[in-house]
Amino acid sequence: MNNVMKCQAATINEYFCHHKSLELAEFMSDINMPFDQQDRVLNAIQRLSKPSARKISIILELAGNNTMTEQLLK
């Protein structure tokens, strides 16, 4: 996992934990994340009992790998 993905995960975690949904959606669009991928990532984050930047970075890494997207829903 690279530093860019870690920073993206930290930003997503910050927006998610502070209930800034508009900023979160704009940020994910700004990093050119497709809308269907955004939905899968947000769904996986919402299923976490205690979201963290490390967990979100794992979700982002799995979401980037199309063969692994089904694991996000498990």
PDB file of N, CA and C in Angstrom:
ATOM      1  N   MET A   1       0.843  -1.168   0.000  1.00  0.00           N
ATOM      2  CA  MET A   1       0.000   0.000   0.000  1.00  0.00           C
ATOM      3  C   MET A   1       0.897   1.243   0.000  1.00  0.00           C
ATOM      4  N   ASN A   2       0.548   2.204  -0.828  1.00  0.00           N
ATOM      5  CA  ASN A   2       1.399   3.384  -0.949  1.00  0.00           C
ATOM      6  C   ASN A   2       0.891   4.544  -0.077  1.00  0.00           C
ATOM      7  N   ASN A   3       1.724   5.567   0.002  1.00  0.00           N
ATOM      8  CA  ASN A   3       1.399   6.713   0.855  1.00  0.00           C
ATOM      9  C   ASN A   3       0.188   7.494   0.372  1.00  0.00           C
ATOM     10  N   VAL A   4      -0.024   7.542  -0.934  1.00  0.00           N
ATOM     11  CA  VAL A   4      -1.182   8.258  -1.473  1.00  0.00           C
ATOM     12  C   VAL A   4      -2.466   7.607  -0.976  1.00  0.00           C
ATOM     13  N   MET A   5      -2.523   6.282  -1.038  1.00  0.00           N
ATOM     14  CA  MET A   5      -3.711   5.574  -0.591  1.00  0.00           C
ATOM     15  C   MET A   5      -3.925   5.751   0.920  1.00  0.00           C
ATOM     16  N   LYS A   6      -2.843   5.795   1.675  1.00  0.00           N
ATOM     17  CA  LYS A   6      -2.949   6.014   3.120  1.00  0.00           C
ATOM     18  C   LYS A   6      -3.530   7.396   3.412  1.00  0.00           C
ATOM     19  N   CYS A   7      -3.093   8.397   2.665  1.00  0.00           N
ATOM     20  CA  CYS A   7      -3.614   9.767   2.849  1.00  0.00           C
ATOM     21  C   CYS A   7      -5.077   9.853   2.433  1.00  0.00           C
ATOM     22  N   GLN A   8      -5.431   9.190   1.337  1.00  0.00           N
ATOM     23  CA  GLN A   8      -6.824   9.169   0.908  1.00  0.00           C
ATOM     24  C   GLN A   8      -7.702   8.509   1.966  1.00  0.00           C
ATOM     25  N   ALA A   9      -7.225   7.406   2.529  1.00  0.00           N
ATOM     26  CA  ALA A   9      -7.978   6.701   3.558  1.00  0.00           C
ATOM     27  C   ALA A   9      -8.147   7.566   4.806  1.00  0.00           C
ATOM     28  N   ALA A  10      -7.106   8.282   5.180  1.00  0.00           N
ATOM     29  CA  ALA A  10      -7.193   9.162   6.347  1.00  0.00           C
ATOM     30  C   ALA A  10      -8.215  10.274   6.117  1.00  0.00           C
ATOM     31  N   THR A  11      -8.234  10.833   4.911  1.00  0.00           N
ATOM     32  CA  THR A  11      -9.190  11.893   4.590  1.00  0.00           C
ATOM     33  C   THR A  11     -10.617  11.352   4.584  1.00  0.00           C
ATOM     34  N   ILE A  12     -10.812  10.189   3.974  1.00  0.00           N
ATOM     35  CA  ILE A  12     -12.137   9.574   3.946  1.00  0.00           C
ATOM     36  C   ILE A  12     -12.604   9.276   5.370  1.00  0.00           C
ATOM     37  N   ASN A  13     -11.698   8.757   6.192  1.00  0.00           N
ATOM     38  CA  ASN A  13     -12.046   8.468   7.586  1.00  0.00           C
ATOM     39  C   ASN A  13     -12.455   9.744   8.325  1.00  0.00           C
ATOM     40  N   GLU A  14     -11.718  10.801   8.103  1.00  0.00           N
ATOM     41  CA  GLU A  14     -12.026  12.085   8.759  1.00  0.00           C
ATOM     42  C   GLU A  14     -13.420  12.575   8.373  1.00  0.00           C
ATOM     43  N   TYR A  15     -13.722  12.568   7.085  1.00  0.00           N
ATOM     44  CA  TYR A  15     -15.035  13.016   6.628  1.00  0.00           C
ATOM     45  C   TYR A  15     -16.143  12.090   7.136  1.00  0.00           C
ATOM     46  N   PHE A  16     -15.898  10.786   7.078  1.00  0.00           N
ATOM     47  CA  PHE A  16     -16.917   9.828   7.483  1.00  0.00           C
ATOM     48  C   PHE A  16     -17.222   9.943   8.977  1.00  0.00           C
ATOM     49  N   CYS A  17     -16.198  10.028   9.792  1.00  0.00           N
ATOM     50  CA  CYS A  17     -16.386  10.080  11.248  1.00  0.00           C
ATOM     51  C   CYS A  17     -17.019  11.381  11.717  1.00  0.00           C
ATOM     52  N   HIS A  18     -16.856  12.445  10.938  1.00  0.00           N
ATOM     53  CA  HIS A  18     -17.451  13.731  11.299  1.00  0.00           C
ATOM     54  C   HIS A  18     -18.742  14.007  10.527  1.00  0.00           C
ATOM     55  N   HIS A  19     -19.290  12.960   9.898  1.00  0.00           N
ATOM     56  CA  HIS A  19     -20.579  13.040   9.201  1.00  0.00           C
ATOM     57  C   HIS A  19     -20.617  14.154   8.160  1.00  0.00           C
ATOM     58  N   LYS A  20     -19.542  14.276   7.404  1.00  0.00           N
ATOM     59  CA  LYS A  20     -19.472  15.273   6.333  1.00  0.00           C
ATOM     60  C   LYS A  20     -19.662  14.550   4.997  1.00  0.00           C
ATOM     61  N   SER A  21     -20.899  14.152   4.733  1.00  0.00           N
ATOM     62  CA  SER A  21     -21.176  13.327   3.564  1.00  0.00           C
ATOM     63  C   SER A  21     -20.955  14.063   2.242  1.00  0.00           C
ATOM     64  N   LEU A  22     -21.273  15.341   2.181  1.00  0.00           N
ATOM     65  CA  LEU A  22     -21.063  16.097   0.947  1.00  0.00           C
ATOM     66  C   LEU A  22     -19.572  16.195   0.630  1.00  0.00           C
ATOM     67  N   GLU A  23     -18.767  16.528   1.635  1.00  0.00           N
ATOM     68  CA  GLU A  23     -17.323  16.621   1.434  1.00  0.00           C
ATOM     69  C   GLU A  23     -16.738  15.265   1.052  1.00  0.00           C
ATOM     70  N   LEU A  24     -17.279  14.209   1.674  1.00  0.00           N
ATOM     71  CA  LEU A  24     -16.809  12.858   1.366  1.00  0.00           C
ATOM     72  C   LEU A  24     -17.104  12.498  -0.081  1.00  0.00           C
ATOM     73  N   ALA A  25     -18.305  12.772  -0.532  1.00  0.00           N
ATOM     74  CA  ALA A  25     -18.673  12.475  -1.923  1.00  0.00           C
ATOM     75  C   ALA A  25     -17.832  13.287  -2.907  1.00  0.00           C
ATOM     76  N   GLU A  26     -17.613  14.559  -2.598  1.00  0.00           N
ATOM     77  CA  GLU A  26     -16.801  15.402  -3.474  1.00  0.00           C
ATOM     78  C   GLU A  26     -15.351  14.920  -3.512  1.00  0.00           C
ATOM     79  N   PHE A  27     -14.826  14.518  -2.362  1.00  0.00           N
ATOM     80  CA  PHE A  27     -13.450  14.037  -2.319  1.00  0.00           C
ATOM     81  C   PHE A  27     -13.295  12.771  -3.148  1.00  0.00           C
ATOM     82  N   MET A  28     -14.228  11.839  -3.001  1.00  0.00           N
ATOM     83  CA  MET A  28     -14.116  10.590  -3.761  1.00  0.00           C
ATOM     84  C   MET A  28     -14.288  10.845  -5.255  1.00  0.00           C
ATOM     85  N   SER A  29     -15.092  11.814  -5.620  1.00  0.00           N
ATOM     86  CA  SER A  29     -15.202  12.183  -7.039  1.00  0.00           C
ATOM     87  C   SER A  29     -13.921  12.850  -7.521  1.00  0.00           C
ATOM     88  N   ASP A  30     -13.312  13.681  -6.669  1.00  0.00           N
ATOM     89  CA  ASP A  30     -12.069  14.365  -7.037  1.00  0.00           C
ATOM     90  C   ASP A  30     -10.908  13.402  -7.256  1.00  0.00           C
ATOM     91  N   ILE A  31     -10.921  12.259  -6.562  1.00  0.00           N
ATOM     92  CA  ILE A  31      -9.846  11.288  -6.771  1.00  0.00           C
ATOM     93  C   ILE A  31     -10.213  10.297  -7.880  1.00  0.00           C
ATOM     94  N   ASN A  32     -11.244  10.670  -8.647  1.00  0.00           N
ATOM     95  CA  ASN A  32     -11.676   9.906  -9.819  1.00  0.00           C
ATOM     96  C   ASN A  32     -12.114   8.485  -9.488  1.00  0.00           C
ATOM     97  N   MET A  33     -12.813   8.340  -8.374  1.00  0.00           N
ATOM     98  CA  MET A  33     -13.365   7.041  -8.015  1.00  0.00           C
ATOM     99  C   MET A  33     -14.734   6.919  -8.690  1.00  0.00           C
ATOM    100  N   PRO A  34     -14.942   5.866  -9.477  1.00  0.00           N
ATOM    101  CA  PRO A  34     -16.246   5.682 -10.129  1.00  0.00           C
ATOM    102  C   PRO A  34     -17.376   5.583  -9.103  1.00  0.00           C
ATOM    103  N   PHE A  35     -18.576   5.999  -9.507  1.00  0.00           N
ATOM    104  CA  PHE A  35     -19.707   6.041  -8.581  1.00  0.00           C
ATOM    105  C   PHE A  35     -20.060   4.671  -8.029  1.00  0.00           C
ATOM    106  N   ASP A  36     -19.987   3.627  -8.854  1.00  0.00           N
ATOM    107  CA  ASP A  36     -20.306   2.299  -8.339  1.00  0.00           C
ATOM    108  C   ASP A  36     -19.273   1.847  -7.307  1.00  0.00           C
ATOM    109  N   GLN A  37     -18.037   2.220  -7.520  1.00  0.00           N
ATOM    110  CA  GLN A  37     -16.995   1.897  -6.551  1.00  0.00           C
ATOM    111  C   GLN A  37     -17.196   2.709  -5.262  1.00  0.00           C
ATOM    112  N   GLN A  38     -17.616   3.961  -5.392  1.00  0.00           N
ATOM    113  CA  GLN A  38     -17.899   4.785  -4.219  1.00  0.00           C
ATOM    114  C   GLN A  38     -18.976   4.128  -3.362  1.00  0.00           C
ATOM    115  N   ASP A  39     -20.018   3.618  -4.012  1.00  0.00           N
ATOM    116  CA  ASP A  39     -21.095   2.957  -3.275  1.00  0.00           C
ATOM    117  C   ASP A  39     -20.595   1.723  -2.535  1.00  0.00           C
ATOM    118  N   ARG A  40     -19.760   0.931  -3.196  1.00  0.00           N
ATOM    119  CA  ARG A  40     -19.224  -0.272  -2.548  1.00  0.00           C
ATOM    120  C   ARG A  40     -18.323   0.089  -1.372  1.00  0.00           C
ATOM    121  N   VAL A  41     -17.494   1.113  -1.542  1.00  0.00           N
ATOM    122  CA  VAL A  41     -16.589   1.531  -0.478  1.00  0.00           C
ATOM    123  C   VAL A  41     -17.390   2.061   0.715  1.00  0.00           C
ATOM    124  N   LEU A  42     -18.366   2.925   0.457  1.00  0.00           N
ATOM    125  CA  LEU A  42     -19.174   3.470   1.553  1.00  0.00           C
ATOM    126  C   LEU A  42     -19.971   2.384   2.268  1.00  0.00           C
ATOM    127  N   ASN A  43     -20.491   1.428   1.513  1.00  0.00           N
ATOM    128  CA  ASN A  43     -21.222   0.318   2.109  1.00  0.00           C
ATOM    129  C   ASN A  43     -20.307  -0.492   3.025  1.00  0.00           C
ATOM    130  N   ALA A  44     -19.090  -0.746   2.583  1.00  0.00           N
ATOM    131  CA  ALA A  44     -18.139  -1.505   3.396  1.00  0.00           C
ATOM    132  C   ALA A  44     -17.728  -0.723   4.645  1.00  0.00           C
ATOM    133  N   ILE A  45     -17.540   0.600   4.506  1.00  0.00           N
ATOM    134  CA  ILE A  45     -17.163   1.427   5.660  1.00  0.00           C
ATOM    135  C   ILE A  45     -18.292   1.459   6.676  1.00  0.00           C
ATOM    136  N   GLN A  46     -19.530   1.562   6.211  1.00  0.00           N
ATOM    137  CA  GLN A  46     -20.668   1.609   7.125  1.00  0.00           C
ATOM    138  C   GLN A  46     -20.818   0.315   7.906  1.00  0.00           C
ATOM    139  N   ARG A  47     -20.343  -0.782   7.362  1.00  0.00           N
ATOM    140  CA  ARG A  47     -20.437  -2.070   8.053  1.00  0.00           C
ATOM    141  C   ARG A  47     -19.392  -2.221   9.155  1.00  0.00           C
ATOM    142  N   LEU A  48     -18.382  -1.359   9.153  1.00  0.00           N
ATOM    143  CA  LEU A  48     -17.353  -1.439  10.185  1.00  0.00           C
ATOM    144  C   LEU A  48     -17.910  -0.966  11.522  1.00  0.00           C
ATOM    145  N   SER A  49     -17.563  -1.675  12.583  1.00  0.00           N
ATOM    146  CA  SER A  49     -18.026  -1.251  13.902  1.00  0.00           C
ATOM    147  C   SER A  49     -17.268  -0.016  14.377  1.00  0.00           C
ATOM    148  N   LYS A  50     -15.984   0.059  14.032  1.00  0.00           N
ATOM    149  CA  LYS A  50     -15.176   1.220  14.414  1.00  0.00           C
ATOM    150  C   LYS A  50     -14.237   1.539  13.249  1.00  0.00           C
ATOM    151  N   PRO A  51     -14.656   2.446  12.344  1.00  0.00           N
ATOM    152  CA  PRO A  51     -13.820   2.765  11.187  1.00  0.00           C
ATOM    153  C   PRO A  51     -12.490   3.410  11.593  1.00  0.00           C
ATOM    154  N   SER A  52     -11.473   3.094  10.840  1.00  0.00           N
ATOM    155  CA  SER A  52     -10.162   3.713  11.036  1.00  0.00           C
ATOM    156  C   SER A  52      -9.515   3.888   9.674  1.00  0.00           C
ATOM    157  N   ALA A  53      -8.503   4.728   9.613  1.00  0.00           N
ATOM    158  CA  ALA A  53      -7.811   4.972   8.346  1.00  0.00           C
ATOM    159  C   ALA A  53      -7.177   3.687   7.824  1.00  0.00           C
ATOM    160  N   ARG A  54      -6.658   2.858   8.719  1.00  0.00           N
ATOM    161  CA  ARG A  54      -6.025   1.610   8.294  1.00  0.00           C
ATOM    162  C   ARG A  54      -7.048   0.666   7.670  1.00  0.00           C
ATOM    163  N   LYS A  55      -8.208   0.527   8.293  1.00  0.00           N
ATOM    164  CA  LYS A  55      -9.248  -0.338   7.752  1.00  0.00           C
ATOM    165  C   LYS A  55      -9.771   0.202   6.425  1.00  0.00           C
ATOM    166  N   ILE A  56      -9.928   1.506   6.343  1.00  0.00           N
ATOM    167  CA  ILE A  56     -10.422   2.113   5.110  1.00  0.00           C
ATOM    168  C   ILE A  56      -9.399   1.960   3.991  1.00  0.00           C
ATOM    169  N   SER A  57      -8.107   2.025   4.320  1.00  0.00           N
ATOM    170  CA  SER A  57      -7.092   1.836   3.280  1.00  0.00           C
ATOM    171  C   SER A  57      -7.151   0.417   2.727  1.00  0.00           C
ATOM    172  N   ILE A  58      -7.464  -0.551   3.563  1.00  0.00           N
ATOM    173  CA  ILE A  58      -7.625  -1.934   3.089  1.00  0.00           C
ATOM    174  C   ILE A  58      -8.834  -2.031   2.175  1.00  0.00           C
ATOM    175  N   ILE A  59      -9.922  -1.372   2.553  1.00  0.00           N
ATOM    176  CA  ILE A  59     -11.125  -1.363   1.716  1.00  0.00           C
ATOM    177  C   ILE A  59     -10.826  -0.720   0.370  1.00  0.00           C
ATOM    178  N   LEU A  60     -10.107   0.391   0.373  1.00  0.00           N
ATOM    179  CA  LEU A  60      -9.757   1.057  -0.886  1.00  0.00           C
ATOM    180  C   LEU A  60      -8.887   0.159  -1.760  1.00  0.00           C
ATOM    181  N   GLU A  61      -7.960  -0.525  -1.133  1.00  0.00           N
ATOM    182  CA  GLU A  61      -7.089  -1.420  -1.890  1.00  0.00           C
ATOM    183  C   GLU A  61      -7.891  -2.556  -2.516  1.00  0.00           C
ATOM    184  N   LEU A  62      -8.830  -3.121  -1.765  1.00  0.00           N
ATOM    185  CA  LEU A  62      -9.662  -4.189  -2.297  1.00  0.00           C
ATOM    186  C   LEU A  62     -10.620  -3.670  -3.363  1.00  0.00           C
ATOM    187  N   ALA A  63     -11.116  -2.453  -3.180  1.00  0.00           N
ATOM    188  CA  ALA A  63     -12.041  -1.880  -4.155  1.00  0.00           C
ATOM    189  C   ALA A  63     -11.350  -1.600  -5.483  1.00  0.00           C
ATOM    190  N   GLY A  64     -10.060  -1.321  -5.435  1.00  0.00           N
ATOM    191  CA  GLY A  64      -9.303  -1.076  -6.657  1.00  0.00           C
ATOM    192  C   GLY A  64      -9.049  -2.330  -7.453  1.00  0.00           C
ATOM    193  N   ASN A  65      -9.143  -3.453  -6.791  1.00  0.00           N
ATOM    194  CA  ASN A  65      -8.936  -4.736  -7.448  1.00  0.00           C
ATOM    195  C   ASN A  65     -10.304  -5.311  -7.781  1.00  0.00           C
ATOM    196  N   ASN A  66     -10.689  -5.279  -9.050  1.00  0.00           N
ATOM    197  CA  ASN A  66     -12.035  -5.672  -9.453  1.00  0.00           C
ATOM    198  C   ASN A  66     -12.387  -7.105  -9.096  1.00  0.00           C
ATOM    199  N   THR A  67     -11.416  -7.989  -9.030  1.00  0.00           N
ATOM    200  CA  THR A  67     -11.720  -9.375  -8.696  1.00  0.00           C
ATOM    201  C   THR A  67     -12.031  -9.544  -7.222  1.00  0.00           C
ATOM    202  N   MET A  68     -11.665  -8.563  -6.407  1.00  0.00           N
ATOM    203  CA  MET A  68     -11.856  -8.666  -4.976  1.00  0.00           C
ATOM    204  C   MET A  68     -13.072  -7.899  -4.475  1.00  0.00           C
ATOM    205  N   THR A  69     -13.834  -7.255  -5.347  1.00  0.00           N
ATOM    206  CA  THR A  69     -14.926  -6.402  -4.888  1.00  0.00           C
ATOM    207  C   THR A  69     -16.010  -7.181  -4.161  1.00  0.00           C
ATOM    208  N   GLU A  70     -16.201  -8.439  -4.491  1.00  0.00           N
ATOM    209  CA  GLU A  70     -17.209  -9.227  -3.811  1.00  0.00           C
ATOM    210  C   GLU A  70     -16.856  -9.429  -2.343  1.00  0.00           C
ATOM    211  N   GLN A  71     -15.559  -9.392  -1.997  1.00  0.00           N
ATOM    212  CA  GLN A  71     -15.164  -9.565  -0.612  1.00  0.00           C
ATOM    213  C   GLN A  71     -15.571  -8.366   0.246  1.00  0.00           C
ATOM    214  N   LEU A  72     -15.768  -7.225  -0.356  1.00  0.00           N
ATOM    215  CA  LEU A  72     -16.208  -6.049   0.392  1.00  0.00           C
ATOM    216  C   LEU A  72     -17.603  -6.250   0.978  1.00  0.00           C
ATOM    217  N   LEU A  73     -18.399  -7.048   0.321  1.00  0.00           N
ATOM    218  CA  LEU A  73     -19.781  -7.234   0.754  1.00  0.00           C
ATOM    219  C   LEU A  73     -19.935  -8.370   1.750  1.00  0.00           C
ATOM    220  N   LYS A  74     -18.871  -9.085   2.041  1.00  0.00           N
ATOM    221  CA  LYS A  74     -18.943 -10.212   2.984  1.00  0.00           C
ATOM    222  C   LYS A  74     -18.689  -9.779   4.385  1.00  0.00           C
TER     223      LYS A  74
END
